N, C-alpha and C. Protein backbone atom coordinates (compact mmCIF):
# COMPACT_ATOMS: atom_id res chain seq x y z
N UNK A 1 63.15 84.43 92.08
CA UNK A 1 64.20 84.79 93.20
C UNK A 1 63.72 86.56 93.39
N UNK A 2 63.93 87.28 94.44
CA UNK A 2 64.04 88.68 94.34
C UNK A 2 65.34 88.87 94.43
N UNK A 3 65.83 89.38 93.62
CA UNK A 3 67.56 89.54 93.78
C UNK A 3 67.58 90.70 95.07
N UNK A 4 67.25 91.74 95.15
CA UNK A 4 67.23 92.84 96.40
C UNK A 4 67.16 92.41 97.17
N UNK A 5 66.59 91.25 97.72
CA UNK A 5 66.08 90.60 99.09
C UNK A 5 67.44 89.83 98.68
N UNK A 6 68.01 88.91 98.20
CA UNK A 6 69.30 88.00 98.07
C UNK A 6 69.96 89.10 97.94
N UNK A 7 70.30 89.97 97.97
CA UNK A 7 71.63 90.92 98.04
C UNK A 7 71.71 91.12 99.93
N UNK A 8 70.40 91.94 99.74
CA UNK A 8 70.73 92.17 101.47
C UNK A 8 70.69 91.35 102.21
N UNK A 9 70.53 89.79 101.89
CA UNK A 9 70.90 88.30 103.05
C UNK A 9 71.78 88.38 102.64
N UNK A 10 72.75 88.24 101.61
CA UNK A 10 73.75 88.13 101.65
C UNK A 10 74.73 88.84 102.45
N UNK A 11 74.64 90.42 102.28
CA UNK A 11 75.18 91.09 103.00
C UNK A 11 75.22 90.84 104.25
N UNK A 12 73.98 90.57 105.04
CA UNK A 12 73.64 89.97 106.58
C UNK A 12 74.55 89.29 106.51
N UNK A 13 74.13 87.91 105.85
CA UNK A 13 74.66 86.86 106.49
C UNK A 13 76.19 86.87 106.73
N UNK A 14 77.11 87.91 105.87
CA UNK A 14 78.18 87.80 106.07
C UNK A 14 78.84 89.01 107.00
N UNK A 15 77.96 89.60 107.81
CA UNK A 15 78.26 90.26 108.80
C UNK A 15 78.32 92.05 108.04
N UNK A 16 78.09 92.62 107.23
CA UNK A 16 77.86 93.34 106.87
C UNK A 16 76.89 94.24 107.61
N UNK A 17 77.20 95.27 108.07
CA UNK A 17 76.05 95.48 108.58
C UNK A 17 75.84 97.31 109.22
N UNK A 18 76.95 98.10 107.95
CA UNK A 18 76.76 99.29 107.15
C UNK A 18 76.64 99.31 106.38
N UNK A 19 76.34 100.37 105.08
CA UNK A 19 75.94 100.28 103.71
C UNK A 19 75.65 101.84 103.45
N UNK A 20 76.28 102.26 102.86
CA UNK A 20 76.27 103.54 102.24
C UNK A 20 75.74 103.25 101.28
N UNK A 21 74.63 104.34 100.50
CA UNK A 21 74.78 104.15 99.22
C UNK A 21 73.80 105.45 98.49
N UNK A 22 74.48 105.49 97.07
CA UNK A 22 74.48 106.85 96.12
C UNK A 22 73.23 106.52 95.42
N UNK A 23 71.99 107.74 95.29
CA UNK A 23 71.21 106.99 94.36
C UNK A 23 71.39 106.65 93.04
N UNK A 24 70.92 106.04 92.52
CA UNK A 24 70.77 104.98 90.78
C UNK A 24 69.46 104.90 90.77
N UNK A 25 68.86 104.51 89.58
CA UNK A 25 67.72 103.96 88.99
C UNK A 25 67.74 102.63 89.17
N UNK A 26 69.13 101.93 88.64
CA UNK A 26 69.05 100.54 88.91
C UNK A 26 69.10 100.12 89.90
N UNK A 27 69.93 100.95 90.97
CA UNK A 27 69.75 100.50 92.55
C UNK A 27 68.67 100.57 93.03
N UNK A 28 67.82 101.41 92.73
CA UNK A 28 66.57 101.46 93.48
C UNK A 28 65.81 100.63 94.65
N UNK A 29 65.67 99.71 94.02
CA UNK A 29 65.38 98.39 94.41
C UNK A 29 66.20 97.78 95.67
N UNK A 30 67.06 97.86 95.69
CA UNK A 30 67.90 97.09 96.67
C UNK A 30 68.25 97.79 97.70
N UNK A 31 68.40 99.42 97.16
CA UNK A 31 68.76 100.24 98.66
C UNK A 31 67.23 100.37 99.16
N UNK A 32 66.20 100.51 98.74
CA UNK A 32 65.08 100.26 99.74
C UNK A 32 64.79 99.05 100.32
N UNK A 33 65.30 97.75 99.51
CA UNK A 33 65.51 96.92 100.56
C UNK A 33 66.40 96.82 101.67
N UNK A 34 67.47 97.82 101.77
CA UNK A 34 68.48 97.36 102.65
C UNK A 34 68.44 99.04 103.53
N UNK A 35 67.08 99.83 103.37
CA UNK A 35 66.57 101.32 104.07
C UNK A 35 65.63 100.36 104.68
N UNK A 36 65.00 98.99 104.65
CA UNK A 36 64.23 98.60 105.67
C UNK A 36 64.31 97.62 106.00
N UNK A 37 65.37 97.37 106.44
CA UNK A 37 66.39 96.07 106.90
C UNK A 37 66.49 97.00 108.42
N UNK A 38 66.48 96.16 109.30
CA UNK A 38 66.58 96.52 110.99
C UNK A 38 68.40 96.39 111.16
N UNK A 39 68.87 95.31 110.34
CA UNK A 39 70.12 94.81 110.72
C UNK A 39 70.91 95.04 109.88
N UNK A 40 70.46 96.49 109.12
CA UNK A 40 71.79 97.35 108.37
C UNK A 40 71.41 98.12 108.83
N UNK A 41 72.86 99.60 109.12
CA UNK A 41 72.65 100.70 109.33
C UNK A 41 72.69 101.31 108.12
N UNK A 42 71.49 101.91 107.68
CA UNK A 42 71.98 102.63 106.03
C UNK A 42 72.24 103.70 105.90
N UNK A 43 73.23 104.44 105.52
CA UNK A 43 73.29 105.99 105.21
C UNK A 43 73.63 106.69 103.91
N UNK A 44 72.58 107.24 103.18
CA UNK A 44 72.67 107.53 102.05
C UNK A 44 73.40 108.64 102.26
N UNK A 45 74.38 108.41 100.68
CA UNK A 45 75.51 109.49 100.48
C UNK A 45 75.37 110.60 99.49
N UNK A 46 75.80 111.76 99.28
CA UNK A 46 75.22 112.40 98.19
C UNK A 46 76.96 112.21 96.92
N UNK A 47 78.16 111.83 97.17
CA UNK A 47 78.88 111.48 96.25
C UNK A 47 79.47 109.65 96.82
N UNK A 48 79.93 109.67 95.96
CA UNK A 48 80.58 108.01 95.93
C UNK A 48 82.12 108.46 97.20
N UNK A 49 82.76 109.15 96.68
CA UNK A 49 83.89 109.33 97.66
C UNK A 49 83.41 109.78 99.30
N UNK A 50 82.67 110.51 99.39
CA UNK A 50 81.99 110.67 100.68
C UNK A 50 81.39 109.42 101.21
N UNK A 51 80.83 107.91 100.18
CA UNK A 51 80.32 107.41 100.82
C UNK A 51 81.30 106.51 101.48
N UNK A 52 82.20 106.35 100.11
CA UNK A 52 83.74 105.74 100.90
C UNK A 52 84.44 106.10 102.18
N UNK A 53 84.44 107.24 102.10
CA UNK A 53 84.85 107.88 103.72
C UNK A 53 83.91 107.46 104.74
N UNK A 54 82.85 107.08 104.87
CA UNK A 54 82.17 106.82 105.90
C UNK A 54 81.88 105.41 105.56
N UNK A 55 82.80 104.65 104.83
CA UNK A 55 82.54 103.64 105.24
C UNK A 55 83.68 103.20 105.68
N UNK A 56 84.99 103.79 105.85
CA UNK A 56 86.09 103.30 105.91
C UNK A 56 85.81 103.80 107.86
N UNK A 57 85.18 104.92 108.12
CA UNK A 57 84.81 105.33 109.49
C UNK A 57 84.24 103.90 110.07
N UNK A 58 83.47 103.37 109.41
CA UNK A 58 82.72 102.43 109.85
C UNK A 58 83.53 100.99 110.19
N UNK A 59 84.94 101.08 109.33
CA UNK A 59 85.79 99.75 109.41
C UNK A 59 86.44 100.15 110.74
N UNK A 60 86.53 101.63 110.58
CA UNK A 60 87.90 101.53 111.79
C UNK A 60 86.99 101.53 112.95
N UNK A 61 85.89 101.80 112.86
CA UNK A 61 84.56 101.24 114.58
C UNK A 61 84.55 100.00 114.23
N UNK A 62 85.03 99.15 113.54
CA UNK A 62 84.51 97.74 114.22
C UNK A 62 83.25 97.12 112.90
N UNK A 63 83.23 98.17 112.31
CA UNK A 63 81.79 97.12 111.78
C UNK A 63 82.32 97.25 110.20
N UNK A 64 81.83 96.03 109.26
CA UNK A 64 81.90 95.56 108.01
C UNK A 64 81.37 96.56 107.13
N UNK A 65 81.66 97.34 106.50
CA UNK A 65 81.15 98.15 105.76
C UNK A 65 80.87 97.72 103.93
N UNK A 66 79.51 98.47 103.21
CA UNK A 66 79.71 97.99 101.78
C UNK A 66 79.50 99.50 101.67
N UNK A 67 79.88 99.56 100.14
CA UNK A 67 78.71 100.62 99.26
C UNK A 67 78.29 100.12 98.01
N UNK A 68 77.12 100.88 98.08
CA UNK A 68 76.49 100.58 96.77
C UNK A 68 76.50 101.88 95.85
N UNK A 69 76.71 101.84 94.46
CA UNK A 69 77.07 102.77 93.81
C UNK A 69 76.97 103.12 92.75
N UNK A 70 77.05 104.07 91.38
CA UNK A 70 76.75 103.90 90.39
C UNK A 70 78.74 103.98 89.17
N UNK A 71 78.69 103.14 88.67
CA UNK A 71 80.02 103.17 88.28
C UNK A 71 80.45 104.95 87.43
N UNK A 72 79.48 105.53 87.07
CA UNK A 72 79.54 106.80 86.65
C UNK A 72 80.56 108.11 87.02
N UNK A 73 80.83 107.27 88.86
CA UNK A 73 81.64 108.51 89.39
C UNK A 73 82.94 107.40 90.23
N UNK A 74 83.81 106.34 89.21
CA UNK A 74 84.44 105.92 89.98
C UNK A 74 85.50 106.59 89.54
N UNK A 75 85.76 107.51 88.61
CA UNK A 75 86.88 108.37 88.51
C UNK A 75 87.08 109.18 89.66
N UNK A 76 85.87 109.97 89.90
CA UNK A 76 85.98 110.62 91.42
C UNK A 76 86.45 110.03 92.57
N UNK A 77 86.44 108.51 92.53
CA UNK A 77 86.60 107.66 94.05
C UNK A 77 88.14 107.21 93.85
N UNK A 78 88.97 108.07 92.67
CA UNK A 78 90.32 107.17 92.63
C UNK A 78 90.78 107.58 93.60
N UNK A 79 91.38 108.66 93.91
CA UNK A 79 92.00 109.16 95.27
C UNK A 79 91.55 108.15 96.92
N UNK A 80 90.98 108.40 96.34
CA UNK A 80 89.91 107.76 98.15
C UNK A 80 90.26 106.28 98.01
N UNK A 81 90.13 105.99 96.84
CA UNK A 81 90.06 104.41 97.07
C UNK A 81 91.62 103.93 96.78
N UNK A 82 92.80 104.77 96.34
CA UNK A 82 93.84 104.17 96.60
C UNK A 82 94.53 105.14 97.60
N UNK A 83 94.36 106.24 98.41
CA UNK A 83 95.24 106.74 99.67
C UNK A 83 94.60 106.60 100.59
N UNK A 84 93.22 105.60 100.20
CA UNK A 84 92.49 105.64 102.27
C UNK A 84 92.20 103.69 102.17
N UNK A 85 91.71 103.83 101.13
CA UNK A 85 90.80 102.01 101.07
C UNK A 85 92.06 101.24 100.82
N UNK A 86 92.64 101.15 100.06
CA UNK A 86 93.68 100.51 99.75
C UNK A 86 94.77 100.45 100.40
N UNK A 87 95.10 101.80 100.57
CA UNK A 87 96.48 101.76 101.87
C UNK A 87 96.30 101.04 102.96
N UNK A 88 95.19 101.33 103.72
CA UNK A 88 95.09 100.93 104.83
C UNK A 88 94.54 99.14 104.61
N UNK A 89 94.57 98.93 103.71
CA UNK A 89 93.90 97.45 103.39
C UNK A 89 92.62 97.48 103.90
N UNK A 90 91.68 98.18 103.64
CA UNK A 90 90.24 98.08 104.48
C UNK A 90 89.61 97.17 103.55
N UNK A 91 88.96 95.83 103.54
CA UNK A 91 87.73 95.36 102.96
C UNK A 91 86.59 96.18 102.07
N UNK A 92 86.14 96.36 101.60
CA UNK A 92 85.06 97.49 100.67
C UNK A 92 84.22 96.41 99.34
N UNK A 93 83.39 96.14 99.60
CA UNK A 93 82.59 95.30 98.74
C UNK A 93 81.92 96.51 98.01
N UNK A 94 82.18 96.97 96.96
CA UNK A 94 81.35 98.19 96.20
C UNK A 94 80.67 97.17 95.29
N UNK A 95 79.07 97.54 95.44
CA UNK A 95 77.87 97.03 94.17
C UNK A 95 77.62 98.40 93.14
N UNK A 96 77.99 98.02 92.19
CA UNK A 96 77.88 99.16 91.21
C UNK A 96 76.93 99.10 90.03
N UNK A 97 76.01 99.69 89.57
CA UNK A 97 75.59 99.84 88.63
C UNK A 97 76.18 100.00 87.43
N UNK A 98 76.32 99.64 86.53
CA UNK A 98 77.11 99.63 85.51
C UNK A 98 76.86 100.48 84.57
N UNK A 99 76.43 101.57 84.47
CA UNK A 99 75.31 102.15 83.77
C UNK A 99 76.49 102.08 81.96
N UNK A 100 76.25 102.75 81.03
CA UNK A 100 76.34 102.60 79.93
C UNK A 100 76.85 101.39 79.13
N UNK A 101 76.25 100.32 79.83
CA UNK A 101 76.58 99.02 78.82
C UNK A 101 75.41 98.30 78.54
N UNK A 102 75.05 97.25 77.60
CA UNK A 102 73.72 96.53 77.30
C UNK A 102 72.55 97.01 77.77
N UNK A 103 71.76 97.84 77.09
CA UNK A 103 70.33 97.61 77.00
C UNK A 103 69.90 99.57 77.95
N UNK A 104 71.35 100.18 78.15
CA UNK A 104 71.43 101.25 78.41
C UNK A 104 70.67 102.44 77.32
N UNK A 105 69.81 102.99 78.15
CA UNK A 105 68.91 104.37 77.56
C UNK A 105 69.33 105.61 77.24
N UNK A 106 70.58 105.79 77.68
CA UNK A 106 70.90 107.35 78.18
C UNK A 106 72.41 107.20 77.60
N UNK A 107 72.54 107.75 76.35
CA UNK A 107 74.07 108.06 75.62
C UNK A 107 75.09 108.34 76.32
N UNK A 108 75.20 109.60 77.15
CA UNK A 108 76.27 109.88 78.12
C UNK A 108 76.73 109.03 78.80
N UNK A 109 75.80 108.26 79.13
CA UNK A 109 76.13 107.07 80.25
C UNK A 109 77.75 106.10 79.36
N UNK A 110 77.29 106.09 78.13
CA UNK A 110 78.46 104.94 77.34
C UNK A 110 79.76 105.85 77.98
N UNK A 111 79.86 106.58 77.75
CA UNK A 111 81.64 107.72 77.64
C UNK A 111 82.41 106.59 79.68
N UNK A 112 81.68 106.81 80.47
CA UNK A 112 82.39 106.33 81.67
C UNK A 112 82.53 104.44 81.66
N UNK A 113 81.45 104.00 81.00
CA UNK A 113 81.56 102.94 81.02
C UNK A 113 82.61 102.10 80.19
N UNK A 114 83.00 103.19 79.12
CA UNK A 114 84.41 102.58 78.29
C UNK A 114 85.10 102.48 79.35
N UNK A 115 85.18 103.03 80.21
CA UNK A 115 86.76 103.47 81.33
C UNK A 115 86.38 102.37 82.20
N UNK A 116 85.42 102.38 82.88
CA UNK A 116 85.16 101.63 84.36
C UNK A 116 86.02 100.35 84.59
N UNK A 117 86.10 99.39 83.71
CA UNK A 117 86.65 98.41 83.99
C UNK A 117 88.76 98.60 83.54
N UNK A 118 88.81 99.26 82.58
CA UNK A 118 89.97 99.57 82.71
C UNK A 118 90.86 100.52 84.25
N UNK A 119 89.89 101.73 84.77
CA UNK A 119 90.10 101.72 85.56
C UNK A 119 90.23 101.11 87.04
N UNK A 120 89.25 100.22 86.67
CA UNK A 120 89.43 99.11 88.38
C UNK A 120 90.53 98.50 88.14
N UNK A 121 90.91 97.77 87.02
CA UNK A 121 92.16 96.76 86.56
C UNK A 121 93.47 97.52 86.91
N UNK A 122 93.86 98.86 86.72
CA UNK A 122 94.77 99.93 87.31
C UNK A 122 94.75 100.23 88.11
N UNK A 123 93.65 100.03 89.40
CA UNK A 123 94.02 99.77 90.68
C UNK A 123 93.87 98.44 91.26
N UNK A 124 94.00 97.49 90.53
CA UNK A 124 94.25 96.02 90.62
C UNK A 124 93.07 95.87 92.09
N UNK A 125 92.03 95.91 91.71
CA UNK A 125 90.36 95.85 92.13
C UNK A 125 89.92 94.69 91.82
N UNK A 126 90.40 93.52 92.28
CA UNK A 126 89.41 92.52 91.42
C UNK A 126 87.35 92.92 91.53
N UNK A 127 87.63 92.19 90.51
CA UNK A 127 86.12 92.99 89.60
C UNK A 127 84.81 91.85 88.70
N UNK A 128 84.42 91.36 89.19
CA UNK A 128 83.11 90.90 88.63
C UNK A 128 82.24 91.26 88.23
N UNK A 129 81.37 90.79 86.98
CA UNK A 129 80.75 91.60 86.10
C UNK A 129 79.24 90.66 86.31
N UNK A 130 77.78 90.81 86.86
CA UNK A 130 76.40 90.18 87.13
C UNK A 130 76.07 90.87 85.99
N UNK A 131 75.64 89.98 85.19
CA UNK A 131 74.97 90.34 83.75
C UNK A 131 74.06 89.56 83.21
N UNK A 132 73.74 88.36 83.78
CA UNK A 132 72.17 87.42 84.29
C UNK A 132 72.00 87.71 85.69
N UNK A 133 70.87 87.56 85.93
CA UNK A 133 70.02 87.40 87.19
C UNK A 133 70.68 86.10 88.14
N UNK A 134 71.22 85.30 87.81
CA UNK A 134 71.76 83.82 88.48
C UNK A 134 73.15 84.60 88.67
N UNK A 135 73.77 85.34 88.13
CA UNK A 135 75.13 85.95 88.64
C UNK A 135 75.37 86.30 90.11
N UNK A 136 74.09 86.45 90.59
CA UNK A 136 73.90 87.22 92.20
C UNK A 136 73.97 85.76 92.88
N UNK A 137 74.30 84.68 92.66
CA UNK A 137 74.79 83.00 93.44
C UNK A 137 76.02 83.60 93.78
N UNK A 138 76.93 84.18 92.88
CA UNK A 138 78.04 84.47 93.44
C UNK A 138 78.65 85.38 94.36
N UNK A 139 77.64 86.00 94.18
CA UNK A 139 77.75 86.95 95.77
C UNK A 139 78.40 86.60 97.25
N UNK A 140 77.59 85.77 96.95
CA UNK A 140 78.01 85.12 98.67
C UNK A 140 79.70 85.05 99.02
N UNK A 141 79.93 84.28 97.83
CA UNK A 141 81.35 83.48 97.74
C UNK A 141 82.66 85.54 97.27
N UNK A 142 81.89 86.59 96.89
CA UNK A 142 82.97 87.33 96.79
C UNK A 142 83.25 88.26 97.55
N UNK A 143 81.67 88.25 98.37
CA UNK A 143 82.00 88.97 100.29
C UNK A 143 82.78 87.97 100.82
N UNK A 144 82.77 87.04 101.15
CA UNK A 144 83.32 86.39 101.91
C UNK A 144 85.19 86.58 101.69
N UNK A 145 85.63 86.61 99.74
CA UNK A 145 86.89 86.83 99.18
C UNK A 145 87.04 88.09 99.48
N UNK A 146 86.51 89.21 99.74
CA UNK A 146 86.79 90.76 100.49
C UNK A 146 87.35 90.67 101.78
N UNK A 147 86.73 90.09 102.28
CA UNK A 147 86.83 89.99 103.85
C UNK A 147 87.91 89.09 104.32
N UNK A 148 88.17 88.14 102.96
CA UNK A 148 89.52 86.99 103.95
C UNK A 148 90.40 87.93 103.34
N UNK A 149 90.29 88.71 102.22
CA UNK A 149 91.96 89.22 101.30
C UNK A 149 91.84 90.68 101.71
N UNK A 150 91.41 91.33 102.50
CA UNK A 150 91.09 92.94 103.04
C UNK A 150 91.50 93.83 101.80
N UNK A 151 90.45 93.51 100.59
CA UNK A 151 90.87 94.42 99.79
C UNK A 151 89.41 95.23 99.25
N UNK A 152 89.52 96.26 98.27
CA UNK A 152 87.73 96.60 98.06
C UNK A 152 88.01 95.45 96.85
N UNK A 153 86.52 95.36 96.95
CA UNK A 153 86.01 94.63 95.34
C UNK A 153 85.02 95.24 94.82
N UNK A 154 84.80 95.58 93.31
CA UNK A 154 83.91 95.94 92.69
C UNK A 154 83.04 94.75 91.81
N UNK A 155 81.70 94.76 92.21
CA UNK A 155 81.02 94.28 91.16
C UNK A 155 79.58 94.61 90.60
N UNK A 156 79.97 95.06 89.50
CA UNK A 156 79.46 95.31 88.08
C UNK A 156 78.13 94.25 88.43
N UNK A 157 76.68 95.65 88.46
CA UNK A 157 75.89 94.68 88.16
C UNK A 157 74.89 95.68 86.63
N UNK A 158 74.66 95.17 85.63
CA UNK A 158 74.78 95.71 84.42
C UNK A 158 73.09 95.84 84.39
N UNK A 159 72.38 97.16 83.23
CA UNK A 159 70.91 96.48 83.45
C UNK A 159 70.69 95.35 83.14
N UNK A 160 71.08 94.84 81.98
CA UNK A 160 70.24 93.27 81.71
C UNK A 160 70.30 92.39 83.43
N UNK A 161 71.02 92.72 84.05
CA UNK A 161 71.13 92.10 85.46
C UNK A 161 69.76 92.47 86.20
N UNK A 162 69.45 93.90 86.24
CA UNK A 162 68.46 94.01 86.87
C UNK A 162 67.07 94.37 86.12
N UNK A 163 67.19 93.96 85.04
CA UNK A 163 66.21 93.53 84.01
C UNK A 163 65.54 94.32 82.45
N UNK A 164 66.80 95.56 82.68
CA UNK A 164 66.71 96.57 82.08
C UNK A 164 65.60 97.95 82.62
N UNK A 165 65.36 98.28 81.78
CA UNK A 165 64.77 99.80 81.65
C UNK A 165 63.01 99.39 81.85
N UNK A 166 62.30 98.34 81.43
CA UNK A 166 61.12 97.94 81.24
C UNK A 166 60.62 98.56 79.34
N UNK A 167 62.15 98.17 79.26
CA UNK A 167 62.58 98.79 77.78
C UNK A 167 61.98 97.79 76.38
N UNK A 168 62.22 95.86 77.13
CA UNK A 168 61.87 94.79 76.27
C UNK A 168 61.09 94.01 76.99
C-alpha cells in the first residue's frame, strides 16, 4: 500500500479540496502526492499558525480544508486553534508528523513530543496516533468525524508509521 496516495485519496474522498502544508522530512512523500493532484489546491505555508489561517479562509469560502504539519510547532498554534478554529467551530483535520517519538534521530525533537498530546488534550482536540502503517485505514472515518462534529482533529503520525529514517 502506498501510504502517501492513500492519504491523498482519503482527503479527496471526503471532499477536502484545500490543503496547506509546512515542510517536514517525514511528510515529504505525502506533500509531493498532494502537490501533484489536480483535485487538491495546495498552498505551502511558512508556519503552522499561518497555515491554519489559510485553512480558516478556505473554510469560510466554502472549501473543506486540511493542514499537514509537524508537532514541534503545536505550541505556536495554540492561540490560532483556540480563538479561531475552535471558537468558530471549524472542522480542521491536522495530519501531524509526530517528531521526537520512537525512531527519532534528532534529540531536540523529543522535548516537544513530550508535550504534544498534553497540549492537544488541554484544548480538547480529539487525537489519534498512527504508529503502524495499517492505522491509515482509520483515516477515512476520522475525516468523516471531523466534518460531522465541526472540530479540529489531530492525527499524529510517528516515524515508525512513515517507515523510520532508513535507520532500520
